[in-house]
mmCIF file of all heavy atoms, coordinates in Angstrom:
data_MODEL
# 
_entry.id   MODEL 
# 
loop_
_atom_site.group_PDB 
_atom_site.id 
_atom_site.type_symbol 
_atom_site.label_atom_id 
_atom_site.label_alt_id 
_atom_site.label_comp_id 
_atom_site.label_asym_id 
_atom_site.label_entity_id 
_atom_site.label_seq_id 
_atom_site.pdbx_PDB_ins_code 
_atom_site.Cartn_x 
_atom_site.Cartn_y 
_atom_site.Cartn_z 
_atom_site.occupancy 
_atom_site.B_iso_or_equiv 
_atom_site.pdbx_formal_charge 
_atom_site.auth_seq_id 
_atom_site.auth_comp_id 
_atom_site.auth_asym_id 
_atom_site.auth_atom_id 
_atom_site.pdbx_PDB_model_num 
ATOM 1   N N   . ARG A 1 1  ? 61.906 14.368 -37.606 1.00 0.00 ? 1  ARG A N   1 
ATOM 2   C CA  . ARG A 1 1  ? 61.420 13.831 -38.879 1.00 0.00 ? 1  ARG A CA  1 
ATOM 3   C C   . ARG A 1 1  ? 60.251 14.676 -39.414 1.00 0.00 ? 1  ARG A C   1 
ATOM 4   O O   . ARG A 1 1  ? 60.151 14.919 -40.613 1.00 0.00 ? 1  ARG A O   1 
ATOM 5   C CB  . ARG A 1 1  ? 60.982 12.378 -38.712 1.00 0.00 ? 1  ARG A CB  1 
ATOM 6   C CG  . ARG A 1 1  ? 62.126 11.430 -38.504 1.00 0.00 ? 1  ARG A CG  1 
ATOM 7   C CD  . ARG A 1 1  ? 61.682 10.016 -38.179 1.00 0.00 ? 1  ARG A CD  1 
ATOM 8   N NE  . ARG A 1 1  ? 62.855 9.199  -37.971 1.00 0.00 ? 1  ARG A NE  1 
ATOM 9   C CZ  . ARG A 1 1  ? 63.504 8.544  -38.929 1.00 0.00 ? 1  ARG A CZ  1 
ATOM 10  N NH1 . ARG A 1 1  ? 63.066 8.605  -40.174 1.00 0.00 ? 1  ARG A NH1 1 
ATOM 11  N NH2 . ARG A 1 1  ? 64.587 7.844  -38.660 1.00 0.00 ? 1  ARG A NH2 1 
ATOM 12  N N   . TYR A 1 2  ? 59.369 15.072 -38.542 1.00 0.00 ? 2  TYR A N   1 
ATOM 13  C CA  . TYR A 1 2  ? 58.189 15.829 -38.951 1.00 0.00 ? 2  TYR A CA  1 
ATOM 14  C C   . TYR A 1 2  ? 58.505 17.267 -39.370 1.00 0.00 ? 2  TYR A C   1 
ATOM 15  O O   . TYR A 1 2  ? 57.786 17.851 -40.168 1.00 0.00 ? 2  TYR A O   1 
ATOM 16  C CB  . TYR A 1 2  ? 57.176 15.873 -37.811 1.00 0.00 ? 2  TYR A CB  1 
ATOM 17  C CG  . TYR A 1 2  ? 56.061 14.857 -37.929 1.00 0.00 ? 2  TYR A CG  1 
ATOM 18  C CD1 . TYR A 1 2  ? 56.013 13.742 -37.113 1.00 0.00 ? 2  TYR A CD1 1 
ATOM 19  C CD2 . TYR A 1 2  ? 55.036 15.028 -38.862 1.00 0.00 ? 2  TYR A CD2 1 
ATOM 20  C CE1 . TYR A 1 2  ? 54.984 12.823 -37.209 1.00 0.00 ? 2  TYR A CE1 1 
ATOM 21  C CE2 . TYR A 1 2  ? 54.001 14.120 -38.975 1.00 0.00 ? 2  TYR A CE2 1 
ATOM 22  C CZ  . TYR A 1 2  ? 53.975 13.009 -38.145 1.00 0.00 ? 2  TYR A CZ  1 
ATOM 23  O OH  . TYR A 1 2  ? 52.953 12.104 -38.252 1.00 0.00 ? 2  TYR A OH  1 
ATOM 24  N N   . TYR A 1 3  ? 59.537 17.836 -38.799 1.00 0.00 ? 3  TYR A N   1 
ATOM 25  C CA  . TYR A 1 3  ? 59.815 19.267 -39.014 1.00 0.00 ? 3  TYR A CA  1 
ATOM 26  C C   . TYR A 1 3  ? 59.829 19.618 -40.504 1.00 0.00 ? 3  TYR A C   1 
ATOM 27  O O   . TYR A 1 3  ? 60.434 18.889 -41.287 1.00 0.00 ? 3  TYR A O   1 
ATOM 28  C CB  . TYR A 1 3  ? 61.182 19.616 -38.393 1.00 0.00 ? 3  TYR A CB  1 
ATOM 29  C CG  . TYR A 1 3  ? 61.454 21.093 -38.335 1.00 0.00 ? 3  TYR A CG  1 
ATOM 30  C CD1 . TYR A 1 3  ? 60.994 21.851 -37.272 1.00 0.00 ? 3  TYR A CD1 1 
ATOM 31  C CD2 . TYR A 1 3  ? 62.153 21.732 -39.359 1.00 0.00 ? 3  TYR A CD2 1 
ATOM 32  C CE1 . TYR A 1 3  ? 61.234 23.228 -37.228 1.00 0.00 ? 3  TYR A CE1 1 
ATOM 33  C CE2 . TYR A 1 3  ? 62.387 23.104 -39.319 1.00 0.00 ? 3  TYR A CE2 1 
ATOM 34  C CZ  . TYR A 1 3  ? 61.927 23.835 -38.250 1.00 0.00 ? 3  TYR A CZ  1 
ATOM 35  O OH  . TYR A 1 3  ? 62.142 25.188 -38.198 1.00 0.00 ? 3  TYR A OH  1 
ATOM 36  N N   . PRO A 1 4  ? 59.098 20.669 -40.920 1.00 0.00 ? 4  PRO A N   1 
ATOM 37  C CA  . PRO A 1 4  ? 58.457 21.716 -40.126 1.00 0.00 ? 4  PRO A CA  1 
ATOM 38  C C   . PRO A 1 4  ? 56.977 21.455 -39.825 1.00 0.00 ? 4  PRO A C   1 
ATOM 39  O O   . PRO A 1 4  ? 56.221 22.397 -39.583 1.00 0.00 ? 4  PRO A O   1 
ATOM 40  C CB  . PRO A 1 4  ? 58.599 22.928 -41.027 1.00 0.00 ? 4  PRO A CB  1 
ATOM 41  C CG  . PRO A 1 4  ? 58.359 22.343 -42.397 1.00 0.00 ? 4  PRO A CG  1 
ATOM 42  C CD  . PRO A 1 4  ? 59.028 20.985 -42.363 1.00 0.00 ? 4  PRO A CD  1 
ATOM 43  N N   . VAL A 1 5  ? 56.579 20.204 -39.873 1.00 0.00 ? 5  VAL A N   1 
ATOM 44  C CA  . VAL A 1 5  ? 55.200 19.844 -39.536 1.00 0.00 ? 5  VAL A CA  1 
ATOM 45  C C   . VAL A 1 5  ? 55.169 19.369 -38.092 1.00 0.00 ? 5  VAL A C   1 
ATOM 46  O O   . VAL A 1 5  ? 56.099 18.715 -37.623 1.00 0.00 ? 5  VAL A O   1 
ATOM 47  C CB  . VAL A 1 5  ? 54.690 18.732 -40.482 1.00 0.00 ? 5  VAL A CB  1 
ATOM 48  C CG1 . VAL A 1 5  ? 53.283 18.292 -40.104 1.00 0.00 ? 5  VAL A CG1 1 
ATOM 49  C CG2 . VAL A 1 5  ? 54.736 19.206 -41.930 1.00 0.00 ? 5  VAL A CG2 1 
ATOM 50  N N   . ALA A 1 6  ? 54.109 19.715 -37.385 1.00 0.00 ? 6  ALA A N   1 
ATOM 51  C CA  . ALA A 1 6  ? 53.919 19.238 -36.020 1.00 0.00 ? 6  ALA A CA  1 
ATOM 52  C C   . ALA A 1 6  ? 52.705 18.314 -35.996 1.00 0.00 ? 6  ALA A C   1 
ATOM 53  O O   . ALA A 1 6  ? 51.667 18.625 -36.583 1.00 0.00 ? 6  ALA A O   1 
ATOM 54  C CB  . ALA A 1 6  ? 53.700 20.408 -35.064 1.00 0.00 ? 6  ALA A CB  1 
ATOM 55  N N   . LEU A 1 7  ? 52.839 17.158 -35.353 1.00 0.00 ? 7  LEU A N   1 
ATOM 56  C CA  . LEU A 1 7  ? 51.743 16.203 -35.228 1.00 0.00 ? 7  LEU A CA  1 
ATOM 57  C C   . LEU A 1 7  ? 50.835 16.624 -34.092 1.00 0.00 ? 7  LEU A C   1 
ATOM 58  O O   . LEU A 1 7  ? 51.282 16.920 -32.984 1.00 0.00 ? 7  LEU A O   1 
ATOM 59  C CB  . LEU A 1 7  ? 52.311 14.805 -34.963 1.00 0.00 ? 7  LEU A CB  1 
ATOM 60  C CG  . LEU A 1 7  ? 51.291 13.714 -34.637 1.00 0.00 ? 7  LEU A CG  1 
ATOM 61  C CD1 . LEU A 1 7  ? 50.389 13.439 -35.843 1.00 0.00 ? 7  LEU A CD1 1 
ATOM 62  C CD2 . LEU A 1 7  ? 52.014 12.427 -34.211 1.00 0.00 ? 7  LEU A CD2 1 
ATOM 63  N N   . LEU A 1 8  ? 49.535 16.640 -34.347 1.00 0.00 ? 8  LEU A N   1 
ATOM 64  C CA  . LEU A 1 8  ? 48.539 16.964 -33.325 1.00 0.00 ? 8  LEU A CA  1 
ATOM 65  C C   . LEU A 1 8  ? 47.637 15.756 -33.111 1.00 0.00 ? 8  LEU A C   1 
ATOM 66  O O   . LEU A 1 8  ? 47.107 15.195 -34.075 1.00 0.00 ? 8  LEU A O   1 
ATOM 67  C CB  . LEU A 1 8  ? 47.673 18.156 -33.762 1.00 0.00 ? 8  LEU A CB  1 
ATOM 68  C CG  . LEU A 1 8  ? 48.400 19.442 -34.165 1.00 0.00 ? 8  LEU A CG  1 
ATOM 69  C CD1 . LEU A 1 8  ? 47.387 20.467 -34.654 1.00 0.00 ? 8  LEU A CD1 1 
ATOM 70  C CD2 . LEU A 1 8  ? 49.199 19.995 -32.995 1.00 0.00 ? 8  LEU A CD2 1 
ATOM 71  N N   . ALA A 1 9  ? 47.464 15.339 -31.877 1.00 0.00 ? 9  ALA A N   1 
ATOM 72  C CA  . ALA A 1 9  ? 46.519 14.275 -31.539 1.00 0.00 ? 9  ALA A CA  1 
ATOM 73  C C   . ALA A 1 9  ? 45.311 14.935 -30.896 1.00 0.00 ? 9  ALA A C   1 
ATOM 74  O O   . ALA A 1 9  ? 45.392 15.447 -29.785 1.00 0.00 ? 9  ALA A O   1 
ATOM 75  C CB  . ALA A 1 9  ? 47.163 13.268 -30.590 1.00 0.00 ? 9  ALA A CB  1 
ATOM 76  N N   . LEU A 1 10 ? 44.185 14.932 -31.594 1.00 0.00 ? 10 LEU A N   1 
ATOM 77  C CA  . LEU A 1 10 ? 42.984 15.623 -31.142 1.00 0.00 ? 10 LEU A CA  1 
ATOM 78  C C   . LEU A 1 10 ? 41.855 14.621 -30.947 1.00 0.00 ? 10 LEU A C   1 
ATOM 79  O O   . LEU A 1 10 ? 41.631 13.750 -31.793 1.00 0.00 ? 10 LEU A O   1 
ATOM 80  C CB  . LEU A 1 10 ? 42.551 16.685 -32.164 1.00 0.00 ? 10 LEU A CB  1 
ATOM 81  C CG  . LEU A 1 10 ? 43.616 17.720 -32.565 1.00 0.00 ? 10 LEU A CG  1 
ATOM 82  C CD1 . LEU A 1 10 ? 43.090 18.605 -33.680 1.00 0.00 ? 10 LEU A CD1 1 
ATOM 83  C CD2 . LEU A 1 10 ? 44.008 18.560 -31.357 1.00 0.00 ? 10 LEU A CD2 1 
ATOM 84  N N   . ARG A 1 11 ? 41.138 14.757 -29.843 1.00 0.00 ? 11 ARG A N   1 
ATOM 85  C CA  . ARG A 1 11 ? 40.006 13.861 -29.602 1.00 0.00 ? 11 ARG A CA  1 
ATOM 86  C C   . ARG A 1 11 ? 38.773 14.698 -29.313 1.00 0.00 ? 11 ARG A C   1 
ATOM 87  O O   . ARG A 1 11 ? 38.759 15.513 -28.382 1.00 0.00 ? 11 ARG A O   1 
ATOM 88  C CB  . ARG A 1 11 ? 40.283 12.923 -28.422 1.00 0.00 ? 11 ARG A CB  1 
ATOM 89  C CG  . ARG A 1 11 ? 39.205 11.856 -28.263 1.00 0.00 ? 11 ARG A CG  1 
ATOM 90  C CD  . ARG A 1 11 ? 39.572 10.816 -27.249 1.00 0.00 ? 11 ARG A CD  1 
ATOM 91  N NE  . ARG A 1 11 ? 39.554 11.330 -25.887 1.00 0.00 ? 11 ARG A NE  1 
ATOM 92  C CZ  . ARG A 1 11 ? 39.720 10.569 -24.814 1.00 0.00 ? 11 ARG A CZ  1 
ATOM 93  N NH1 . ARG A 1 11 ? 39.977 9.286  -24.962 1.00 0.00 ? 11 ARG A NH1 1 
ATOM 94  N NH2 . ARG A 1 11 ? 39.676 11.087 -23.611 1.00 0.00 ? 11 ARG A NH2 1 
ATOM 95  N N   . GLU A 1 12 ? 37.744 14.497 -30.115 1.00 0.00 ? 12 GLU A N   1 
ATOM 96  C CA  . GLU A 1 12 ? 36.503 15.224 -29.918 1.00 0.00 ? 12 GLU A CA  1 
ATOM 97  C C   . GLU A 1 12 ? 35.762 14.687 -28.698 1.00 0.00 ? 12 GLU A C   1 
ATOM 98  O O   . GLU A 1 12 ? 35.889 13.513 -28.334 1.00 0.00 ? 12 GLU A O   1 
ATOM 99  C CB  . GLU A 1 12 ? 35.618 15.101 -31.164 1.00 0.00 ? 12 GLU A CB  1 
ATOM 100 C CG  . GLU A 1 12 ? 36.221 15.744 -32.410 1.00 0.00 ? 12 GLU A CG  1 
ATOM 101 C CD  . GLU A 1 12 ? 35.326 15.582 -33.623 1.00 0.00 ? 12 GLU A CD  1 
ATOM 102 O OE1 . GLU A 1 12 ? 34.280 14.912 -33.480 1.00 0.00 ? 12 GLU A OE1 1 
ATOM 103 O OE2 . GLU A 1 12 ? 35.669 16.115 -34.688 1.00 0.00 ? 12 GLU A OE2 1 
ATOM 104 N N   . LYS A 1 13 ? 34.986 15.559 -28.072 1.00 0.00 ? 13 LYS A N   1 
ATOM 105 C CA  . LYS A 1 13 ? 34.235 15.174 -26.888 1.00 0.00 ? 13 LYS A CA  1 
ATOM 106 C C   . LYS A 1 13 ? 33.287 14.029 -27.216 1.00 0.00 ? 13 LYS A C   1 
ATOM 107 O O   . LYS A 1 13 ? 32.544 14.064 -28.192 1.00 0.00 ? 13 LYS A O   1 
ATOM 108 C CB  . LYS A 1 13 ? 33.433 16.369 -26.361 1.00 0.00 ? 13 LYS A CB  1 
ATOM 109 C CG  . LYS A 1 13 ? 32.755 16.111 -25.028 1.00 0.00 ? 13 LYS A CG  1 
ATOM 110 C CD  . LYS A 1 13 ? 32.079 17.370 -24.508 1.00 0.00 ? 13 LYS A CD  1 
ATOM 111 C CE  . LYS A 1 13 ? 31.426 17.104 -23.155 1.00 0.00 ? 13 LYS A CE  1 
ATOM 112 N NZ  . LYS A 1 13 ? 30.767 18.331 -22.633 1.00 0.00 ? 13 LYS A NZ  1 
ATOM 113 N N   . GLY A 1 14 ? 33.342 12.983 -26.405 1.00 0.00 ? 14 GLY A N   1 
ATOM 114 C CA  . GLY A 1 14 ? 32.491 11.818 -26.612 1.00 0.00 ? 14 GLY A CA  1 
ATOM 115 C C   . GLY A 1 14 ? 33.097 10.764 -27.506 1.00 0.00 ? 14 GLY A C   1 
ATOM 116 O O   . GLY A 1 14 ? 32.542 9.672  -27.652 1.00 0.00 ? 14 GLY A O   1 
ATOM 117 N N   . SER A 1 15 ? 34.252 11.069 -28.123 1.00 0.00 ? 15 SER A N   1 
ATOM 118 C CA  . SER A 1 15 ? 34.901 10.095 -29.006 1.00 0.00 ? 15 SER A CA  1 
ATOM 119 C C   . SER A 1 15 ? 35.969 9.326  -28.244 1.00 0.00 ? 15 SER A C   1 
ATOM 120 O O   . SER A 1 15 ? 36.668 9.877  -27.393 1.00 0.00 ? 15 SER A O   1 
ATOM 121 C CB  . SER A 1 15 ? 35.540 10.817 -30.192 1.00 0.00 ? 15 SER A CB  1 
ATOM 122 O OG  . SER A 1 15 ? 36.296 9.910  -30.978 1.00 0.00 ? 15 SER A OG  1 
ATOM 123 N N   . ALA A 1 16 ? 36.086 8.033  -28.546 1.00 0.00 ? 16 ALA A N   1 
ATOM 124 C CA  . ALA A 1 16 ? 37.079 7.192  -27.875 1.00 0.00 ? 16 ALA A CA  1 
ATOM 125 C C   . ALA A 1 16 ? 38.424 7.225  -28.582 1.00 0.00 ? 16 ALA A C   1 
ATOM 126 O O   . ALA A 1 16 ? 39.437 6.823  -28.008 1.00 0.00 ? 16 ALA A O   1 
ATOM 127 C CB  . ALA A 1 16 ? 36.572 5.751  -27.792 1.00 0.00 ? 16 ALA A CB  1 
ATOM 128 N N   . GLU A 1 17 ? 38.438 7.682  -29.826 1.00 0.00 ? 17 GLU A N   1 
ATOM 129 C CA  . GLU A 1 17 ? 39.667 7.668  -30.612 1.00 0.00 ? 17 GLU A CA  1 
ATOM 130 C C   . GLU A 1 17 ? 40.152 9.088  -30.903 1.00 0.00 ? 17 GLU A C   1 
ATOM 131 O O   . GLU A 1 17 ? 39.358 10.012 -31.092 1.00 0.00 ? 17 GLU A O   1 
ATOM 132 C CB  . GLU A 1 17 ? 39.445 6.923  -31.931 1.00 0.00 ? 17 GLU A CB  1 
ATOM 133 C CG  . GLU A 1 17 ? 39.125 5.439  -31.755 1.00 0.00 ? 17 GLU A CG  1 
ATOM 134 C CD  . GLU A 1 17 ? 40.268 4.661  -31.142 1.00 0.00 ? 17 GLU A CD  1 
ATOM 135 O OE1 . GLU A 1 17 ? 41.437 5.023  -31.409 1.00 0.00 ? 17 GLU A OE1 1 
ATOM 136 O OE2 . GLU A 1 17 ? 39.998 3.701  -30.410 1.00 0.00 ? 17 GLU A OE2 1 
ATOM 137 N N   . ALA A 1 18 ? 41.472 9.231  -30.947 1.00 0.00 ? 18 ALA A N   1 
ATOM 138 C CA  . ALA A 1 18 ? 42.067 10.530 -31.271 1.00 0.00 ? 18 ALA A CA  1 
ATOM 139 C C   . ALA A 1 18 ? 42.292 10.622 -32.778 1.00 0.00 ? 18 ALA A C   1 
ATOM 140 O O   . ALA A 1 18 ? 42.603 9.629  -33.441 1.00 0.00 ? 18 ALA A O   1 
ATOM 141 C CB  . ALA A 1 18 ? 43.387 10.690 -30.536 1.00 0.00 ? 18 ALA A CB  1 
ATOM 142 N N   . ARG A 1 19 ? 42.084 11.803 -33.321 1.00 0.00 ? 19 ARG A N   1 
ATOM 143 C CA  . ARG A 1 19 ? 42.356 12.061 -34.731 1.00 0.00 ? 19 ARG A CA  1 
ATOM 144 C C   . ARG A 1 19 ? 43.737 12.685 -34.870 1.00 0.00 ? 19 ARG A C   1 
ATOM 145 O O   . ARG A 1 19 ? 44.114 13.553 -34.084 1.00 0.00 ? 19 ARG A O   1 
ATOM 146 C CB  . ARG A 1 19 ? 41.312 13.015 -35.320 1.00 0.00 ? 19 ARG A CB  1 
ATOM 147 C CG  . ARG A 1 19 ? 39.932 12.438 -35.436 1.00 0.00 ? 19 ARG A CG  1 
ATOM 148 C CD  . ARG A 1 19 ? 38.973 13.425 -36.103 1.00 0.00 ? 19 ARG A CD  1 
ATOM 149 N NE  . ARG A 1 19 ? 38.769 14.617 -35.296 1.00 0.00 ? 19 ARG A NE  1 
ATOM 150 C CZ  . ARG A 1 19 ? 39.280 15.808 -35.588 1.00 0.00 ? 19 ARG A CZ  1 
ATOM 151 N NH1 . ARG A 1 19 ? 40.060 15.959 -36.656 1.00 0.00 ? 19 ARG A NH1 1 
ATOM 152 N NH2 . ARG A 1 19 ? 39.042 16.856 -34.813 1.00 0.00 ? 19 ARG A NH2 1 
ATOM 153 N N   . GLU A 1 20 ? 44.472 12.238 -35.867 1.00 0.00 ? 20 GLU A N   1 
ATOM 154 C CA  . GLU A 1 20 ? 45.793 12.795 -36.115 1.00 0.00 ? 20 GLU A CA  1 
ATOM 155 C C   . GLU A 1 20 ? 45.681 13.901 -37.154 1.00 0.00 ? 20 GLU A C   1 
ATOM 156 O O   . GLU A 1 20 ? 45.288 13.659 -38.290 1.00 0.00 ? 20 GLU A O   1 
ATOM 157 C CB  . GLU A 1 20 ? 46.759 11.704 -36.583 1.00 0.00 ? 20 GLU A CB  1 
ATOM 158 C CG  . GLU A 1 20 ? 47.090 10.698 -35.487 1.00 0.00 ? 20 GLU A CG  1 
ATOM 159 C CD  . GLU A 1 20 ? 48.059 9.632  -35.964 1.00 0.00 ? 20 GLU A CD  1 
ATOM 160 O OE1 . GLU A 1 20 ? 48.340 9.593  -37.183 1.00 0.00 ? 20 GLU A OE1 1 
ATOM 161 O OE2 . GLU A 1 20 ? 48.524 8.843  -35.134 1.00 0.00 ? 20 GLU A OE2 1 
ATOM 162 N N   . GLN A 1 21 ? 45.994 15.105 -36.736 1.00 0.00 ? 21 GLN A N   1 
ATOM 163 C CA  . GLN A 1 21 ? 46.054 16.232 -37.652 1.00 0.00 ? 21 GLN A CA  1 
ATOM 164 C C   . GLN A 1 21 ? 47.398 16.931 -37.460 1.00 0.00 ? 21 GLN A C   1 
ATOM 165 O O   . GLN A 1 21 ? 48.229 16.473 -36.670 1.00 0.00 ? 21 GLN A O   1 
ATOM 166 C CB  . GLN A 1 21 ? 44.864 17.169 -37.423 1.00 0.00 ? 21 GLN A CB  1 
ATOM 167 C CG  . GLN A 1 21 ? 43.545 16.524 -37.847 1.00 0.00 ? 21 GLN A CG  1 
ATOM 168 C CD  . GLN A 1 21 ? 42.383 17.492 -37.839 1.00 0.00 ? 21 GLN A CD  1 
ATOM 169 O OE1 . GLN A 1 21 ? 41.956 17.948 -36.782 1.00 0.00 ? 21 GLN A OE1 1 
ATOM 170 N NE2 . GLN A 1 21 ? 41.860 17.812 -39.020 1.00 0.00 ? 21 GLN A NE2 1 
ATOM 171 N N   . PHE A 1 22 ? 47.588 18.015 -38.161 1.00 0.00 ? 22 PHE A N   1 
ATOM 172 C CA  . PHE A 1 22 ? 48.927 18.581 -38.221 1.00 0.00 ? 22 PHE A CA  1 
ATOM 173 C C   . PHE A 1 22 ? 48.889 20.097 -38.129 1.00 0.00 ? 22 PHE A C   1 
ATOM 174 O O   . PHE A 1 22 ? 47.856 20.737 -38.290 1.00 0.00 ? 22 PHE A O   1 
ATOM 175 C CB  . PHE A 1 22 ? 49.606 18.142 -39.523 1.00 0.00 ? 22 PHE A CB  1 
ATOM 176 C CG  . PHE A 1 22 ? 49.477 16.675 -39.792 1.00 0.00 ? 22 PHE A CG  1 
ATOM 177 C CD1 . PHE A 1 22 ? 48.470 16.190 -40.622 1.00 0.00 ? 22 PHE A CD1 1 
ATOM 178 C CD2 . PHE A 1 22 ? 50.329 15.770 -39.190 1.00 0.00 ? 22 PHE A CD2 1 
ATOM 179 C CE1 . PHE A 1 22 ? 48.326 14.831 -40.847 1.00 0.00 ? 22 PHE A CE1 1 
ATOM 180 C CE2 . PHE A 1 22 ? 50.190 14.409 -39.407 1.00 0.00 ? 22 PHE A CE2 1 
ATOM 181 C CZ  . PHE A 1 22 ? 49.188 13.944 -40.239 1.00 0.00 ? 22 PHE A CZ  1 
ATOM 182 N N   . SER A 1 23 ? 50.039 20.657 -37.844 1.00 0.00 ? 23 SER A N   1 
ATOM 183 C CA  . SER A 1 23 ? 50.224 22.102 -37.830 1.00 0.00 ? 23 SER A CA  1 
ATOM 184 C C   . SER A 1 23 ? 51.586 22.386 -38.453 1.00 0.00 ? 23 SER A C   1 
ATOM 185 O O   . SER A 1 23 ? 52.419 21.482 -38.578 1.00 0.00 ? 23 SER A O   1 
ATOM 186 C CB  . SER A 1 23 ? 50.152 22.633 -36.399 1.00 0.00 ? 23 SER A CB  1 
ATOM 187 O OG  . SER A 1 23 ? 50.172 24.038 -36.388 1.00 0.00 ? 23 SER A OG  1 
ATOM 188 N N   . LEU A 1 24 ? 51.782 23.625 -38.838 1.00 0.00 ? 24 LEU A N   1 
ATOM 189 C CA  . LEU A 1 24 ? 53.032 23.991 -39.512 1.00 0.00 ? 24 LEU A CA  1 
ATOM 190 C C   . LEU A 1 24 ? 53.886 24.860 -38.590 1.00 0.00 ? 24 LEU A C   1 
ATOM 191 O O   . LEU A 1 24 ? 53.401 25.813 -37.989 1.00 0.00 ? 24 LEU A O   1 
ATOM 192 C CB  . LEU A 1 24 ? 52.727 24.743 -40.809 1.00 0.00 ? 24 LEU A CB  1 
ATOM 193 C CG  . LEU A 1 24 ? 53.873 24.858 -41.828 1.00 0.00 ? 24 LEU A CG  1 
ATOM 194 C CD1 . LEU A 1 24 ? 54.326 23.487 -42.286 1.00 0.00 ? 24 LEU A CD1 1 
ATOM 195 C CD2 . LEU A 1 24 ? 53.428 25.710 -43.018 1.00 0.00 ? 24 LEU A CD2 1 
ATOM 196 N N   . VAL A 1 25 ? 55.156 24.504 -38.502 1.00 0.00 ? 25 VAL A N   1 
ATOM 197 C CA  . VAL A 1 25 ? 56.117 25.265 -37.711 1.00 0.00 ? 25 VAL A CA  1 
ATOM 198 C C   . VAL A 1 25 ? 56.835 26.234 -38.650 1.00 0.00 ? 25 VAL A C   1 
ATOM 199 O O   . VAL A 1 25 ? 57.474 25.810 -39.608 1.00 0.00 ? 25 VAL A O   1 
ATOM 200 C CB  . VAL A 1 25 ? 57.151 24.333 -37.039 1.00 0.00 ? 25 VAL A CB  1 
ATOM 201 C CG1 . VAL A 1 25 ? 58.142 25.141 -36.220 1.00 0.00 ? 25 VAL A CG1 1 
ATOM 202 C CG2 . VAL A 1 25 ? 56.454 23.290 -36.181 1.00 0.00 ? 25 VAL A CG2 1 
ATOM 203 N N   . LYS A 1 26 ? 56.721 27.531 -38.361 1.00 0.00 ? 26 LYS A N   1 
ATOM 204 C CA  . LYS A 1 26 ? 57.411 28.537 -39.166 1.00 0.00 ? 26 LYS A CA  1 
ATOM 205 C C   . LYS A 1 26 ? 58.290 29.383 -38.255 1.00 0.00 ? 26 LYS A C   1 
ATOM 206 O O   . LYS A 1 26 ? 57.793 30.227 -37.520 1.00 0.00 ? 26 LYS A O   1 
ATOM 207 C CB  . LYS A 1 26 ? 56.407 29.408 -39.923 1.00 0.00 ? 26 LYS A CB  1 
ATOM 208 C CG  . LYS A 1 26 ? 55.802 28.728 -41.143 1.00 0.00 ? 26 LYS A CG  1 
ATOM 209 C CD  . LYS A 1 26 ? 55.101 29.727 -42.045 1.00 0.00 ? 26 LYS A CD  1 
ATOM 210 C CE  . LYS A 1 26 ? 54.662 29.065 -43.345 1.00 0.00 ? 26 LYS A CE  1 
ATOM 211 N NZ  . LYS A 1 26 ? 54.020 30.035 -44.272 1.00 0.00 ? 26 LYS A NZ  1 
ATOM 212 N N   . GLU A 1 27 ? 59.589 29.131 -38.327 1.00 0.00 ? 27 GLU A N   1 
ATOM 213 C CA  . GLU A 1 27 ? 60.553 29.857 -37.509 1.00 0.00 ? 27 GLU A CA  1 
ATOM 214 C C   . GLU A 1 27 ? 61.367 30.784 -38.411 1.00 0.00 ? 27 GLU A C   1 
ATOM 215 O O   . GLU A 1 27 ? 61.672 30.434 -39.563 1.00 0.00 ? 27 GLU A O   1 
ATOM 216 C CB  . GLU A 1 27 ? 61.454 28.885 -36.761 1.00 0.00 ? 27 GLU A CB  1 
ATOM 217 C CG  . GLU A 1 27 ? 60.666 28.007 -35.780 1.00 0.00 ? 27 GLU A CG  1 
ATOM 218 C CD  . GLU A 1 27 ? 61.539 26.959 -35.110 1.00 0.00 ? 27 GLU A CD  1 
ATOM 219 O OE1 . GLU A 1 27 ? 62.101 26.121 -35.831 1.00 0.00 ? 27 GLU A OE1 1 
ATOM 220 O OE2 . GLU A 1 27 ? 61.648 27.002 -33.879 1.00 0.00 ? 27 GLU A OE2 1 
ATOM 221 N N   . PRO A 1 28 ? 61.758 31.948 -37.900 1.00 0.00 ? 28 PRO A N   1 
ATOM 222 C CA  . PRO A 1 28 ? 62.447 32.949 -38.738 1.00 0.00 ? 28 PRO A CA  1 
ATOM 223 C C   . PRO A 1 28 ? 63.722 32.430 -39.398 1.00 0.00 ? 28 PRO A C   1 
ATOM 224 O O   . PRO A 1 28 ? 64.058 32.837 -40.517 1.00 0.00 ? 28 PRO A O   1 
ATOM 225 C CB  . PRO A 1 28 ? 62.753 34.077 -37.746 1.00 0.00 ? 28 PRO A CB  1 
ATOM 226 C CG  . PRO A 1 28 ? 61.743 33.927 -36.659 1.00 0.00 ? 28 PRO A CG  1 
ATOM 227 C CD  . PRO A 1 28 ? 61.505 32.449 -36.539 1.00 0.00 ? 28 PRO A CD  1 
# 
């Protein structure tokens, strides 16, 4: 469903919650 976007779950040091950010998939 996300393609070509990739879901990233990132948590900063000291934080209890993860932030949802994204990346782009680029395939030839």
